[in-house]
Amino acid sequence: MLPLVYTLIAVDGPPALSLQVGSGTPGAAAVKIVLLLTVLSLAPAIMLTMTSFLRFTIVFAFLRQALGVQGAPPAQVMTGLALFMTAAAMGPVAGEIHERALSPYLDGKIDERVAMTAASDPLRQFMLRSTREEDLIMFHGAARRPLPRTPAELSLAILVPAYVTSELHTAFRMGLVLLIPFLVIDLVVASVLMSLGMAMLSPMLVSLPLKLLVFLFVDGWSLVVGSLMRGVA
């Protein structure tokens, strides 16, 4: 590729100013920039599908539904809490990725391919701990691939959807456990009001304070957050 030469020459003035952009090395740097931008654009998808953020957000949505307080706490607060919980839960994995992949790559000791392989191993081990075997078998059967003999042979293209399916299953189970006690309170309050002939009174006006009282009495926030963190530890 011929270099581009832009020359500004002032008549009877100072010396000419020349800016030259040569052909230089092949476009390896440009390819790296494109790959980096691609990874950054996929960061939300990685956050949703390869971390514990999915489980946290679903359980919090069930909790708000069970309590019947759709506007408190706000969704932004719950999302922020889920993000910080994800950062705390994924801290050891991130540290291992930095030690095994990112730091050697920045020091020039390994290339991009080796760094990607080293970075995927801790993430693969993390997802495998929360992935059900039946989900892995289902996706391997759908992709018509043989089952791997070791975890290192497991493809991320199979592991990621299996992990998401398992996380959805686990989150809905935890959400159901949260819903049932508060549903019982709603049924009891509705039955009592009907027996007292107060059918015109909305059961939500009575059950909401009771549900909040029970939730605070058992220290519900600590129980829910603690159970979620222990579940992914």
Protein backbone atom coordinates (compact mmCIF):
# COMPACT_ATOMS: atom_id res chain seq x y z
CA MET A 1 0.00 0.00 0.00
CA LEU A 2 1.56 3.30 -1.11
CA PRO A 3 2.10 5.87 1.65
CA LEU A 4 -0.09 8.92 1.74
CA VAL A 5 1.82 12.15 1.73
CA TYR A 6 0.20 15.46 2.62
CA THR A 7 2.48 18.44 2.10
CA LEU A 8 1.74 22.00 3.09
CA ILE A 9 4.08 24.47 1.40
CA ALA A 10 3.93 28.13 2.25
CA VAL A 11 5.12 30.45 -0.43
CA ASP A 12 8.10 32.54 0.73
CA GLY A 13 7.43 31.29 4.27
CA PRO A 14 8.85 28.77 6.68
CA PRO A 15 10.00 25.35 5.55
CA ALA A 16 7.42 22.90 4.23
CA LEU A 17 5.43 20.81 6.72
CA SER A 18 5.03 17.22 5.62
CA LEU A 19 2.82 14.59 7.32
CA GLN A 20 3.42 11.06 6.09
CA VAL A 21 1.44 7.96 7.00
CA GLY A 22 3.32 4.97 5.72
CA SER A 23 2.15 1.50 5.06
CA GLY A 24 3.75 0.24 8.26
CA THR A 25 3.13 -3.24 9.60
CA PRO A 26 0.16 -5.37 8.54
CA GLY A 27 -3.18 -4.60 10.15
CA ALA A 28 -2.66 -6.73 13.24
CA ALA A 29 -3.22 -3.77 15.53
CA ALA A 30 -6.44 -2.89 13.74
CA VAL A 31 -7.69 -6.46 14.10
CA LYS A 32 -6.92 -6.37 17.82
CA ILE A 33 -8.86 -3.13 18.20
CA VAL A 34 -11.84 -4.61 16.35
CA LEU A 35 -11.75 -7.71 18.55
CA LEU A 36 -11.54 -5.56 21.68
CA LEU A 37 -14.52 -3.47 20.61
CA THR A 38 -16.44 -6.65 19.84
CA VAL A 39 -15.76 -8.05 23.30
CA LEU A 40 -16.80 -4.76 24.91
CA SER A 41 -20.05 -4.73 22.92
CA LEU A 42 -20.76 -8.27 24.13
CA ALA A 43 -20.05 -7.38 27.77
CA PRO A 44 -23.78 -7.12 28.72
CA ALA A 45 -24.47 -10.50 27.15
CA ILE A 46 -21.50 -12.01 28.99
CA MET A 47 -22.75 -10.48 32.24
CA LEU A 48 -26.21 -11.99 31.74
CA THR A 49 -25.22 -15.45 30.54
CA MET A 50 -21.87 -16.33 32.11
CA THR A 51 -22.14 -14.96 35.65
CA SER A 52 -24.47 -15.28 38.61
CA PHE A 53 -26.17 -11.97 37.75
CA LEU A 54 -29.03 -13.85 36.07
CA ARG A 55 -29.93 -15.77 39.22
CA PHE A 56 -29.76 -12.69 41.42
CA THR A 57 -32.04 -10.56 39.26
CA ILE A 58 -34.68 -13.27 38.86
CA VAL A 59 -34.82 -14.03 42.58
CA PHE A 60 -35.12 -10.33 43.40
CA ALA A 61 -37.97 -10.01 40.88
CA PHE A 62 -39.78 -12.91 42.58
CA LEU A 63 -39.17 -11.32 45.97
CA ARG A 64 -40.74 -8.03 44.93
CA GLN A 65 -43.68 -9.92 43.45
CA ALA A 66 -44.12 -11.96 46.63
CA LEU A 67 -44.06 -8.90 48.86
CA GLY A 68 -46.42 -6.99 46.58
CA VAL A 69 -44.26 -3.86 46.65
CA GLN A 70 -43.66 -3.24 42.97
CA GLY A 71 -42.13 0.20 43.42
CA ALA A 72 -40.05 -0.27 46.56
CA PRO A 73 -37.20 -0.81 46.40
CA PRO A 74 -36.81 0.59 42.88
CA ALA A 75 -35.66 -1.70 40.09
CA GLN A 76 -32.45 0.33 39.71
CA VAL A 77 -31.54 -0.33 43.33
CA MET A 78 -32.13 -4.07 42.97
CA THR A 79 -30.10 -4.15 39.75
CA GLY A 80 -27.25 -2.28 41.42
CA LEU A 81 -27.32 -4.68 44.36
CA ALA A 82 -27.26 -7.63 41.95
CA LEU A 83 -24.27 -6.10 40.14
CA PHE A 84 -22.23 -5.67 43.33
CA MET A 85 -23.20 -9.15 44.49
CA THR A 86 -22.05 -10.50 41.13
CA ALA A 87 -18.76 -8.64 41.47
CA ALA A 88 -18.24 -10.15 44.93
CA ALA A 89 -19.20 -13.65 43.80
CA MET A 90 -17.06 -13.51 40.67
CA GLY A 91 -14.08 -11.97 42.45
CA PRO A 92 -12.07 -15.20 42.80
CA VAL A 93 -12.78 -16.12 39.18
CA ALA A 94 -11.72 -12.66 37.98
CA GLY A 95 -8.55 -12.85 40.06
CA GLU A 96 -7.66 -16.21 38.57
CA ILE A 97 -8.30 -14.92 35.05
CA HIS A 98 -6.06 -11.92 35.72
CA GLU A 99 -3.29 -14.09 37.13
CA ARG A 100 -3.38 -16.80 34.47
CA ALA A 101 -4.35 -14.88 31.33
CA LEU A 102 -4.51 -11.09 31.48
CA SER A 103 -1.27 -10.35 33.34
CA PRO A 104 0.93 -12.70 31.22
CA TYR A 105 -0.68 -11.35 28.05
CA LEU A 106 0.01 -7.74 29.01
CA ASP A 107 3.59 -8.69 29.83
CA GLY A 108 3.98 -10.24 26.38
CA LYS A 109 4.59 -13.75 27.71
CA ILE A 110 1.64 -15.36 25.87
CA ASP A 111 -0.29 -14.56 22.72
CA GLU A 112 -4.01 -13.92 22.27
CA ARG A 113 -4.99 -17.53 21.65
CA VAL A 114 -3.24 -18.85 24.75
CA ALA A 115 -4.69 -15.98 26.79
CA MET A 116 -8.23 -16.76 25.64
CA THR A 117 -7.79 -20.43 26.53
CA ALA A 118 -6.34 -19.60 29.94
CA ALA A 119 -9.13 -17.11 30.65
CA SER A 120 -11.91 -19.52 29.68
CA ASP A 121 -10.77 -22.29 32.05
CA PRO A 122 -11.70 -20.56 35.36
CA LEU A 123 -14.97 -19.37 33.87
CA ARG A 124 -15.73 -22.87 32.63
CA GLN A 125 -15.10 -24.33 36.09
CA PHE A 126 -17.35 -21.70 37.68
CA MET A 127 -20.24 -22.42 35.31
CA LEU A 128 -19.83 -26.18 35.64
CA ARG A 129 -20.42 -26.00 39.39
CA SER A 130 -23.91 -24.59 38.80
CA THR A 131 -24.82 -26.53 35.65
CA ARG A 132 -27.01 -29.60 35.84
CA GLU A 133 -25.83 -32.74 34.09
CA GLU A 134 -29.16 -33.26 32.34
CA ASP A 135 -28.92 -29.83 30.74
CA LEU A 136 -25.46 -30.61 29.40
CA ILE A 137 -26.70 -33.90 27.99
CA MET A 138 -29.69 -32.18 26.40
CA PHE A 139 -27.61 -29.57 24.58
CA HIS A 140 -25.00 -32.09 23.50
CA GLY A 141 -27.78 -34.20 22.04
CA ALA A 142 -29.29 -31.19 20.27
CA ALA A 143 -25.89 -30.28 18.80
CA ARG A 144 -25.19 -33.93 17.95
CA ARG A 145 -21.88 -33.86 19.74
CA PRO A 146 -20.40 -36.64 21.86
CA LEU A 147 -20.12 -36.06 25.57
CA PRO A 148 -16.65 -34.84 26.58
CA ARG A 149 -14.45 -37.01 28.72
CA THR A 150 -13.00 -34.12 30.75
CA PRO A 151 -14.28 -30.63 31.65
CA ALA A 152 -11.49 -29.07 29.60
CA GLU A 153 -12.97 -30.62 26.45
CA LEU A 154 -16.38 -29.05 27.09
CA SER A 155 -17.18 -26.36 24.53
CA LEU A 156 -18.40 -22.99 25.74
CA ALA A 157 -20.98 -23.05 22.95
CA ILE A 158 -22.61 -25.97 24.81
CA LEU A 159 -21.80 -24.96 28.36
CA VAL A 160 -23.20 -21.41 28.22
CA PRO A 161 -26.80 -22.33 27.21
CA ALA A 162 -26.73 -25.28 29.61
CA TYR A 163 -25.57 -22.96 32.40
CA VAL A 164 -28.29 -20.40 31.62
CA THR A 165 -30.95 -23.14 31.65
CA SER A 166 -29.69 -24.45 34.98
CA GLU A 167 -29.58 -20.95 36.45
CA LEU A 168 -33.16 -20.32 35.34
CA HIS A 169 -34.23 -23.58 36.96
CA THR A 170 -32.44 -22.73 40.21
CA ALA A 171 -33.72 -19.15 40.28
CA PHE A 172 -37.33 -20.22 39.72
CA ARG A 173 -37.04 -22.80 42.49
CA MET A 174 -35.77 -20.16 44.89
CA GLY A 175 -38.48 -17.77 43.72
CA LEU A 176 -41.14 -20.40 44.39
CA VAL A 177 -39.79 -20.89 47.92
CA LEU A 178 -40.15 -17.14 48.43
CA LEU A 179 -43.64 -16.96 46.95
CA ILE A 180 -45.34 -19.74 48.92
CA PRO A 181 -45.14 -18.24 52.46
CA PHE A 182 -46.44 -14.87 51.30
CA LEU A 183 -49.15 -16.55 49.24
CA VAL A 184 -50.30 -18.32 52.40
CA ILE A 185 -50.52 -14.96 54.18
CA ASP A 186 -52.63 -13.56 51.32
CA LEU A 187 -54.99 -16.56 51.46
CA VAL A 188 -55.36 -16.38 55.23
CA VAL A 189 -56.07 -12.65 55.16
CA ALA A 190 -58.60 -13.04 52.34
CA SER A 191 -60.38 -15.88 54.19
CA VAL A 192 -60.54 -13.92 57.44
CA LEU A 193 -61.96 -10.86 55.70
CA MET A 194 -64.58 -12.96 53.92
CA SER A 195 -65.60 -14.64 57.17
CA LEU A 196 -65.98 -11.24 58.84
CA GLY A 197 -68.16 -9.99 56.01
CA MET A 198 -65.60 -7.43 54.89
CA ALA A 199 -65.49 -8.52 51.25
CA MET A 200 -65.38 -4.90 50.07
CA LEU A 201 -62.05 -4.36 51.83
CA SER A 202 -59.08 -5.18 49.62
CA PRO A 203 -57.00 -8.01 51.14
CA MET A 204 -53.84 -6.27 49.94
CA LEU A 205 -54.42 -3.41 52.40
CA VAL A 206 -54.15 -5.87 55.27
CA SER A 207 -51.76 -8.49 53.91
CA LEU A 208 -49.07 -6.06 52.76
CA PRO A 209 -48.21 -4.78 56.27
CA LEU A 210 -48.33 -8.34 57.58
CA LYS A 211 -45.98 -9.60 54.88
CA LEU A 212 -43.56 -6.76 55.50
CA LEU A 213 -43.71 -7.40 59.24
CA VAL A 214 -42.93 -11.10 58.78
CA PHE A 215 -40.18 -10.35 56.28
CA LEU A 216 -38.49 -7.88 58.62
CA PHE A 217 -39.01 -10.12 61.65
CA VAL A 218 -37.02 -12.97 60.07
CA ASP A 219 -34.40 -10.54 58.69
CA GLY A 220 -35.45 -11.39 55.17
CA TRP A 221 -32.90 -9.32 53.27
CA SER A 222 -29.99 -11.00 55.00
CA LEU A 223 -31.54 -14.42 54.47
CA VAL A 224 -32.16 -13.87 50.76
CA VAL A 225 -28.83 -12.20 49.98
CA GLY A 226 -26.91 -14.66 52.13
CA SER A 227 -28.58 -17.65 50.50
CA LEU A 228 -27.82 -16.30 47.03
CA MET A 229 -24.17 -15.65 47.86
CA ARG A 230 -23.72 -19.06 49.47
CA GLY A 231 -25.38 -20.70 46.48
CA VAL A 232 -22.74 -19.41 44.08
CA ALA A 233 -19.76 -19.55 46.44
